[in-house]
Protein backbone atom coordinates (compact mmCIF):
# COMPACT_ATOMS: atom_id res chain seq x y z
CA MET A 1 -0.18 40.91 -31.19
CA ASN A 2 -2.27 39.78 -28.61
CA LYS A 3 -0.49 37.42 -25.80
CA ALA A 4 -3.30 34.84 -26.26
CA PHE A 5 -1.96 33.78 -29.79
CA THR A 6 1.79 33.48 -28.66
CA LYS A 7 3.67 30.90 -27.30
CA GLU A 8 5.63 32.26 -24.17
CA SER A 9 8.38 29.61 -23.27
CA ASP A 10 10.03 29.97 -19.77
CA GLY A 11 12.14 26.97 -20.45
CA GLU A 12 9.65 24.91 -18.15
CA ASP A 13 7.70 23.00 -20.93
CA ASP A 14 10.50 21.28 -22.46
CA ASP A 15 9.57 17.58 -22.67
CA ASP A 16 13.07 16.59 -23.53
CA LEU A 17 14.54 16.59 -20.02
CA ALA A 18 18.91 16.65 -19.37
CA LEU A 19 18.68 13.02 -17.91
CA PRO A 20 22.42 12.56 -16.57
CA GLU A 21 24.76 10.74 -18.54
CA LEU A 22 25.22 6.93 -18.41
CA PRO A 23 28.20 5.20 -19.60
CA SER A 24 27.53 3.45 -22.97
CA GLY A 25 25.89 0.26 -22.59
CA GLY A 26 25.64 1.15 -18.91
CA LYS A 27 22.86 0.28 -16.83
CA ASN A 28 21.05 2.98 -14.50
CA TYR A 29 21.87 1.42 -11.06
CA ILE A 30 19.85 2.61 -7.98
CA THR A 31 19.76 1.21 -4.38
CA PRO A 32 16.59 -0.46 -3.33
CA GLU A 33 15.71 2.58 -1.06
CA GLY A 34 16.44 5.20 -4.09
CA TYR A 35 13.80 3.19 -5.80
CA ALA A 36 11.58 3.25 -3.38
CA ARG A 37 12.19 6.78 -2.89
CA LEU A 38 11.54 7.41 -6.58
CA ARG A 39 8.65 5.33 -6.62
CA GLY A 40 7.13 6.68 -3.36
CA GLU A 41 7.32 10.50 -5.41
CA PHE A 42 5.73 9.24 -8.41
CA MET A 43 2.75 7.47 -6.47
CA THR A 44 2.48 10.68 -4.39
CA LEU A 45 2.37 12.62 -7.85
CA MET A 46 -0.37 10.32 -9.56
CA ASP A 47 -2.42 9.96 -6.41
CA ASP A 48 -2.56 12.59 -4.49
CA GLU A 49 -1.12 15.76 -6.00
CA ARG A 50 -2.35 15.61 -9.74
CA PRO A 51 -5.90 15.04 -8.94
CA LYS A 52 -6.31 17.62 -6.31
CA VAL A 53 -4.73 20.01 -8.83
CA VAL A 54 -7.02 18.91 -11.43
CA GLU A 55 -10.15 19.53 -9.19
CA THR A 56 -8.79 23.09 -8.29
CA VAL A 57 -7.99 24.17 -12.31
CA SER A 58 -11.70 22.59 -13.13
CA TRP A 59 -13.21 24.57 -10.33
CA ALA A 60 -11.34 27.71 -11.43
CA ALA A 61 -12.29 27.05 -15.00
CA LYS A 62 -15.73 27.86 -14.11
CA ASN A 63 -15.14 31.00 -12.43
CA GLY A 64 -15.41 32.99 -15.70
CA ASP A 65 -12.66 34.90 -17.10
CA ARG A 66 -9.60 32.74 -17.12
CA SER A 67 -6.73 35.13 -18.02
CA GLU A 68 -6.93 37.04 -14.90
CA ASN A 69 -8.08 34.07 -12.68
CA GLY A 70 -4.84 33.36 -10.24
CA ASP A 71 -5.99 29.58 -9.25
CA TYR A 72 -6.49 28.82 -13.17
CA LEU A 73 -3.19 30.12 -14.17
CA TYR A 74 -1.22 28.90 -11.02
CA GLY A 75 -3.27 25.60 -11.13
CA LYS A 76 -2.10 25.04 -14.95
CA LYS A 77 1.15 25.73 -14.45
CA ARG A 78 1.59 23.67 -11.43
CA LEU A 79 -0.18 20.70 -13.56
CA ARG A 80 2.52 21.14 -16.25
CA GLU A 81 5.31 20.79 -13.45
CA ILE A 82 3.75 17.59 -11.87
CA ASP A 83 2.88 16.06 -15.50
CA ARG A 84 6.78 16.83 -16.58
CA ARG A 85 7.71 15.27 -13.18
CA ILE A 86 5.72 12.50 -13.94
CA ARG A 87 7.53 11.80 -17.02
CA PHE A 88 10.67 12.28 -15.72
CA LEU A 89 10.09 9.59 -13.03
CA THR A 90 8.36 7.27 -15.11
CA LYS A 91 11.47 7.15 -17.67
CA ARG A 92 13.89 6.71 -14.61
CA LEU A 93 11.83 3.92 -13.17
CA GLU A 94 11.86 2.29 -16.61
CA ILE A 95 15.42 1.62 -17.03
CA ALA A 96 16.17 1.39 -13.05
CA GLU A 97 18.17 -1.55 -12.61
CA VAL A 98 17.98 -2.11 -8.39
CA ALA A 99 21.24 -3.49 -7.08
CA ASP A 100 21.33 -4.35 -3.18
CA PRO A 101 24.66 -3.06 -1.55
CA SER A 102 23.89 -5.45 1.41
CA LEU A 103 24.66 -8.47 -0.78
CA HIS A 104 28.46 -7.38 -0.44
CA HIS A 105 28.27 -6.88 3.49
CA GLY A 106 31.86 -8.13 4.83
CA ARG A 107 33.67 -7.38 1.73
CA ASP A 108 36.79 -5.21 1.47
CA GLN A 109 36.23 -4.38 -2.00
CA VAL A 110 34.52 -1.41 -3.36
CA PHE A 111 31.33 -2.19 -5.49
CA PHE A 112 28.18 -0.12 -6.42
CA GLY A 113 26.66 1.13 -2.79
CA ALA A 114 29.85 0.76 -0.88
CA THR A 115 30.65 3.87 1.88
CA VAL A 116 34.43 4.20 1.37
CA THR A 117 36.67 5.74 3.78
CA TYR A 118 39.91 7.24 1.73
CA ALA A 119 42.83 9.45 2.52
CA THR A 120 43.77 11.95 0.09
CA GLN A 121 47.81 12.81 -0.50
CA GLY A 122 47.55 15.67 1.71
CA GLY A 123 46.56 13.16 4.65
CA GLU A 124 42.78 14.44 4.78
CA GLU A 125 40.15 11.77 4.93
CA ARG A 126 37.09 11.37 3.14
CA THR A 127 34.05 9.27 3.37
CA ILE A 128 31.47 8.91 0.65
CA THR A 129 28.82 6.52 -0.29
CA ILE A 130 28.39 5.21 -3.83
CA LYS A 131 24.86 5.67 -4.96
CA GLY A 132 22.74 5.58 -8.55
CA ILE A 133 22.66 8.85 -10.58
CA ASP A 134 19.45 9.69 -9.55
CA GLU A 135 19.85 9.36 -5.68
CA ALA A 136 23.47 10.60 -5.14
CA ASP A 137 23.55 13.79 -2.74
CA SER A 138 26.56 15.34 -2.59
CA LEU A 139 25.93 17.69 0.77
CA HIS A 140 25.41 14.11 2.32
CA GLY A 141 28.95 12.44 1.01
CA GLU A 142 27.35 10.32 -1.55
CA VAL A 143 28.29 10.35 -5.05
CA SER A 144 27.07 8.59 -8.27
CA TRP A 145 28.60 5.62 -9.59
CA VAL A 146 29.54 7.30 -12.83
CA SER A 147 31.57 10.09 -10.98
CA PRO A 148 35.18 10.27 -11.38
CA VAL A 149 36.19 9.38 -7.94
CA ALA A 150 33.73 6.61 -8.06
CA ARG A 151 35.21 5.23 -10.98
CA ALA A 152 38.18 5.31 -9.66
CA LEU A 153 37.59 3.73 -6.59
CA LEU A 154 35.29 0.77 -7.87
CA LYS A 155 36.94 -2.34 -7.59
CA ALA A 156 39.84 -1.46 -5.46
CA ARG A 157 40.13 -3.01 -2.13
CA GLU A 158 41.14 -1.60 1.55
CA GLY A 159 44.87 -0.84 1.13
CA ASP A 160 44.75 -0.14 -2.53
CA GLU A 161 45.89 3.35 -4.04
CA VAL A 162 43.88 4.49 -7.07
CA THR A 163 44.66 7.36 -9.37
CA PHE A 164 42.17 9.36 -10.75
CA ALA A 165 42.43 12.58 -13.27
CA THR A 166 41.16 16.21 -11.89
CA PRO A 167 41.02 19.54 -13.20
CA ALA A 168 43.95 20.30 -10.65
CA GLY A 169 45.55 17.07 -11.95
CA THR A 170 46.06 13.95 -11.31
CA GLN A 171 45.37 12.43 -7.46
CA THR A 172 46.12 9.77 -5.66
CA LEU A 173 43.76 8.27 -3.04
CA GLU A 174 44.64 5.21 -0.89
CA ILE A 175 41.39 3.43 0.43
CA VAL A 176 41.33 3.42 4.35
CA ALA A 177 38.01 1.13 4.78
CA VAL A 178 34.92 0.09 2.74
CA ARG A 179 31.93 -0.57 4.54
CA TYR A 180 28.47 -1.82 3.11
CA PRO A 181 25.01 -1.90 4.67
CA ALA A 182 23.90 -5.23 6.76
CA PRO A 183 21.41 -7.54 5.05
CA LEU A 184 17.80 -7.08 6.23
CA GLY A 185 17.11 -9.43 9.17
CA SER A 186 20.47 -9.54 10.41
CA ILE A 187 20.97 -9.28 14.11
CA GLY A 188 23.49 -6.85 15.56
CA GLY A 189 24.08 -5.06 12.35
């Protein structure tokens, strides 16, 4: 059968993006910085990248045989990727609940946005920051607020011990320190 009449899918055209799971009835909390980053990416795609790719595809389409036109084929593929990311960002920004962690500055209780230092049962200290599911980056010590460790730490205070289940068994953590960013405009913060 002619390739022109078949739909080949490489898994990229799936509109049903696998959004990270939220607890039932839960909100999609995000820091102001995380929201600004997602919004900035959305605006860059809409205002800069997409129009440039549309222009390239339009130009390439005028150059004749599209089946062997690399600019056209790559442009169409890139346009699908951009549109897919725009749809994803639109959905995430619509349900985002911006929560400013600096409102808790000076407190010793763990809430969303806290940077928590804890000690494991083996005495090893680790520091994590509790962020939204769309902004957490484990390589930088950021965990999603729905992660098991964050859920165990939430609402505990400095000096408290918390337990949570891991694949290796139950783990106990002692909260050593809780920090929040200083509110904007504070001096010496």
